[in-house]
Amino acid sequence: MKNTIDRTIQRTQRYWYIDGLTEIYFGFISLLMGIYFYLQASLPQDSLLYQSLTISFVLIIIGGAALGNWAIRALKAHITYPRTGFVAYPPRPKYRRWLLGGLSFLVAVLFTLLLTRLPKNLTWPPLLSGVVVGAVWLYIGVRLGLTRFYLLAAFSLLAGFLLAVSGLDESLSLAVFYSLIALSMILSGGITFAVYLRNTRPVKDLD
């Protein structure tokens, strides 16, 4: 009985990723991060725009997470639910929302401090990014049994390692890393979305 319930819960949670929209959205967030690090590598350090990048990075992380939940739900309401139905997920307790927001802010601040305070001859930030991003995708893949997230996790780890030993400037290597992550997520989400559209139709079209 417990195994049956666990499988039912897993299928319900996996439904959130059935259309690839989550990956596509966060792929664009990663692209913004790639642009951020490219600007950090390209702009003069005494310029006003360069000095404002730290704040903008925090805003990208916090704003992207907050906007993402609304944007993905809006897209699903227009595309996914008319085709394969609506699943009502239990609302998260308010304290968990505040906790998630606080943790996201803390991670963004700590990550920014690490990138700006450590000696410039270190090249481990892309490797750290690869491990963190890969761990997130691996967790989702294991928890929900989705093979494509294993591939995303492996790609993240490989990209982080190769860029860590590439000899590129830290900011430039991070720009390349997040651009590659953006490409992989948009590609994965795009393929998933195309397959989903091909195999489903809005309910009204089946009448």
Protein backbone atom coordinates (compact mmCIF):
# COMPACT_ATOMS: atom_id res chain seq x y z
CA MET A 1 0.00 0.00 0.00
CA LYS A 2 2.77 2.44 0.95
CA ASN A 3 4.61 1.79 -2.35
CA THR A 4 1.41 2.46 -4.28
CA ILE A 5 0.88 5.75 -2.45
CA ASP A 6 4.51 6.76 -3.02
CA ARG A 7 4.22 6.04 -6.75
CA THR A 8 1.01 8.05 -6.94
CA ILE A 9 2.65 11.01 -5.19
CA GLN A 10 5.66 10.73 -7.51
CA ARG A 11 3.45 10.73 -10.64
CA THR A 12 1.56 13.74 -9.35
CA GLN A 13 4.78 15.68 -8.68
CA ARG A 14 6.29 14.57 -12.00
CA TYR A 15 3.29 16.03 -13.83
CA TRP A 16 4.65 19.51 -13.10
CA TYR A 17 7.57 18.77 -15.44
CA ILE A 18 5.59 17.00 -18.18
CA ASP A 19 5.68 19.93 -20.62
CA GLY A 20 9.25 21.22 -20.19
CA LEU A 21 8.11 24.76 -19.38
CA THR A 22 9.99 24.85 -16.06
CA GLU A 23 13.28 24.04 -17.76
CA ILE A 24 12.70 26.60 -20.50
CA TYR A 25 11.97 29.35 -18.00
CA PHE A 26 14.99 28.67 -15.82
CA GLY A 27 17.05 28.33 -18.96
CA PHE A 28 16.31 31.97 -19.68
CA ILE A 29 17.17 32.88 -16.07
CA SER A 30 20.52 31.12 -16.54
CA LEU A 31 21.03 33.09 -19.76
CA LEU A 32 20.56 36.33 -17.80
CA MET A 33 23.16 35.10 -15.34
CA GLY A 34 25.50 34.35 -18.21
CA ILE A 35 25.06 37.90 -19.49
CA TYR A 36 25.68 39.21 -15.98
CA PHE A 37 29.02 37.43 -15.68
CA TYR A 38 30.01 38.44 -19.20
CA LEU A 39 29.42 42.09 -18.31
CA GLN A 40 31.41 41.59 -15.12
CA ALA A 41 34.32 40.25 -17.18
CA SER A 42 34.08 42.97 -19.84
CA LEU A 43 33.31 46.23 -18.02
CA PRO A 44 35.94 48.44 -16.34
CA GLN A 45 35.89 47.80 -12.61
CA ASP A 46 35.61 51.50 -11.82
CA SER A 47 32.50 51.99 -13.94
CA LEU A 48 29.12 52.63 -12.32
CA LEU A 49 27.52 49.76 -14.22
CA TYR A 50 30.14 47.31 -12.96
CA GLN A 51 29.63 48.42 -9.37
CA SER A 52 25.88 47.92 -9.67
CA LEU A 53 26.22 44.35 -10.94
CA THR A 54 26.29 42.80 -7.45
CA ILE A 55 22.87 44.22 -6.62
CA SER A 56 21.50 43.20 -10.01
CA PHE A 57 22.73 39.63 -9.46
CA VAL A 58 20.76 39.35 -6.22
CA LEU A 59 17.69 40.78 -7.96
CA ILE A 60 18.01 38.24 -10.77
CA ILE A 61 18.03 35.35 -8.29
CA ILE A 62 15.21 36.61 -6.06
CA GLY A 63 13.11 38.19 -8.80
CA GLY A 64 13.56 35.22 -11.13
CA ALA A 65 12.39 32.74 -8.50
CA ALA A 66 9.38 34.88 -7.55
CA LEU A 67 8.35 35.64 -11.13
CA GLY A 68 9.00 32.07 -12.25
CA ASN A 69 6.26 30.52 -10.13
CA TRP A 70 3.67 32.96 -11.50
CA ALA A 71 4.88 32.77 -15.11
CA ILE A 72 5.01 28.97 -15.24
CA ARG A 73 1.56 28.62 -13.70
CA ALA A 74 0.15 31.14 -16.19
CA LEU A 75 1.64 29.25 -19.14
CA LYS A 76 0.36 25.93 -17.82
CA ALA A 77 -3.13 27.39 -17.44
CA HIS A 78 -3.14 28.29 -21.16
CA ILE A 79 -1.24 25.32 -22.59
CA THR A 80 -0.99 22.31 -20.29
CA TYR A 81 -4.18 22.13 -18.28
CA PRO A 82 -6.52 22.39 -21.31
CA ARG A 83 -4.69 19.36 -22.77
CA THR A 84 -4.03 16.98 -19.91
CA GLY A 85 -5.93 18.39 -16.97
CA PHE A 86 -5.28 20.37 -13.83
CA VAL A 87 -3.57 19.01 -10.75
CA ALA A 88 -4.15 20.95 -7.54
CA TYR A 89 -0.94 20.91 -5.52
CA PRO A 90 -1.23 21.50 -1.76
CA PRO A 91 -0.38 25.12 -0.93
CA ARG A 92 2.95 25.60 0.76
CA PRO A 93 2.79 26.91 4.31
CA LYS A 94 3.61 30.61 4.51
CA TYR A 95 6.64 30.00 6.69
CA ARG A 96 8.11 27.74 3.98
CA ARG A 97 7.69 30.48 1.39
CA TRP A 98 9.48 32.98 3.61
CA LEU A 99 12.14 30.38 4.39
CA LEU A 100 12.69 29.65 0.70
CA GLY A 101 12.92 33.36 -0.10
CA GLY A 102 15.36 33.94 2.77
CA LEU A 103 17.54 31.01 1.74
CA SER A 104 17.57 32.16 -1.89
CA PHE A 105 18.66 35.63 -0.77
CA LEU A 106 21.36 34.20 1.50
CA VAL A 107 22.73 31.93 -1.24
CA ALA A 108 22.81 34.82 -3.71
CA VAL A 109 24.66 37.09 -1.27
CA LEU A 110 27.16 34.41 -0.20
CA PHE A 111 27.82 33.38 -3.79
CA THR A 112 28.41 36.99 -4.79
CA LEU A 113 30.80 37.53 -1.88
CA LEU A 114 32.73 34.41 -2.77
CA LEU A 115 33.14 35.56 -6.34
CA THR A 116 34.22 39.08 -5.43
CA ARG A 117 36.40 38.52 -2.33
CA LEU A 118 38.50 35.48 -3.13
CA PRO A 119 41.86 35.71 -4.92
CA LYS A 120 41.54 36.04 -8.67
CA ASN A 121 43.91 33.18 -9.41
CA LEU A 122 41.38 30.60 -8.19
CA THR A 123 39.31 28.93 -10.90
CA TRP A 124 36.97 26.81 -8.80
CA PRO A 125 33.77 28.96 -9.05
CA PRO A 126 32.62 27.28 -12.29
CA LEU A 127 33.22 23.89 -10.67
CA LEU A 128 31.23 24.96 -7.59
CA SER A 129 28.44 26.17 -9.86
CA GLY A 130 28.52 22.88 -11.74
CA VAL A 131 28.22 20.90 -8.51
CA VAL A 132 25.37 23.04 -7.14
CA VAL A 133 23.34 23.08 -10.36
CA GLY A 134 24.06 19.41 -10.99
CA ALA A 135 22.98 18.48 -7.46
CA VAL A 136 19.64 20.23 -7.95
CA TRP A 137 18.92 18.42 -11.22
CA LEU A 138 20.11 15.10 -9.81
CA TYR A 139 17.83 15.50 -6.78
CA ILE A 140 14.83 16.17 -9.01
CA GLY A 141 15.75 13.28 -11.31
CA VAL A 142 16.10 10.79 -8.46
CA ARG A 143 13.04 12.01 -6.60
CA LEU A 144 10.74 11.98 -9.63
CA GLY A 145 12.38 9.35 -11.81
CA LEU A 146 13.00 11.64 -14.79
CA THR A 147 15.94 10.53 -16.92
CA ARG A 148 16.49 13.86 -18.66
CA PHE A 149 17.42 15.48 -15.36
CA TYR A 150 20.22 12.93 -14.92
CA LEU A 151 21.60 14.11 -18.25
CA LEU A 152 21.30 17.76 -17.22
CA ALA A 153 23.11 16.99 -13.95
CA ALA A 154 25.94 15.17 -15.76
CA PHE A 155 26.28 18.01 -18.27
CA SER A 156 26.44 20.58 -15.48
CA LEU A 157 29.20 18.70 -13.66
CA LEU A 158 31.19 18.16 -16.86
CA ALA A 159 30.87 21.79 -17.97
CA GLY A 160 31.87 23.06 -14.53
CA PHE A 161 34.94 20.83 -14.41
CA LEU A 162 36.14 21.66 -17.92
CA LEU A 163 35.76 25.38 -17.36
CA ALA A 164 37.51 25.14 -13.98
CA VAL A 165 40.62 23.78 -15.68
CA SER A 166 40.32 25.91 -18.83
CA GLY A 167 42.36 28.81 -17.49
CA LEU A 168 39.67 31.35 -18.33
CA ASP A 169 39.03 34.34 -16.10
CA GLU A 170 36.54 33.51 -13.34
CA SER A 171 33.81 35.83 -14.54
CA LEU A 172 34.26 34.77 -18.14
CA SER A 173 34.25 31.08 -17.23
CA LEU A 174 31.02 31.60 -15.27
CA ALA A 175 29.53 33.47 -18.22
CA VAL A 176 30.30 30.50 -20.45
CA PHE A 177 29.06 28.03 -17.83
CA TYR A 178 25.65 29.65 -17.33
CA SER A 179 25.26 30.20 -21.05
CA LEU A 180 25.87 26.47 -21.60
CA ILE A 181 23.46 25.60 -18.79
CA ALA A 182 20.87 27.91 -20.37
CA LEU A 183 21.35 26.21 -23.73
CA SER A 184 21.02 22.73 -22.21
CA MET A 185 17.86 23.59 -20.25
CA ILE A 186 16.18 25.38 -23.13
CA LEU A 187 17.06 22.49 -25.44
CA SER A 188 15.82 19.87 -22.96
CA GLY A 189 12.67 21.82 -22.18
CA GLY A 190 12.08 22.62 -25.86
CA ILE A 191 12.29 18.97 -26.91
CA THR A 192 10.03 17.94 -24.03
CA PHE A 193 7.56 20.70 -24.93
CA ALA A 194 7.53 19.74 -28.63
CA VAL A 195 6.91 16.07 -27.79
CA TYR A 196 4.18 17.06 -25.35
CA LEU A 197 2.38 19.20 -27.94
CA ARG A 198 2.68 16.47 -30.56
CA ASN A 199 1.19 13.81 -28.28
CA THR A 200 -1.63 15.86 -26.74
CA ARG A 201 -4.53 18.00 -27.88
CA PRO A 202 -6.85 20.40 -26.06
CA VAL A 203 -9.92 18.62 -24.74
CA LYS A 204 -12.27 20.77 -26.83
CA ASP A 205 -10.55 19.52 -30.01
CA LEU A 206 -11.39 15.93 -29.07
CA ASP A 207 -15.15 16.54 -29.04
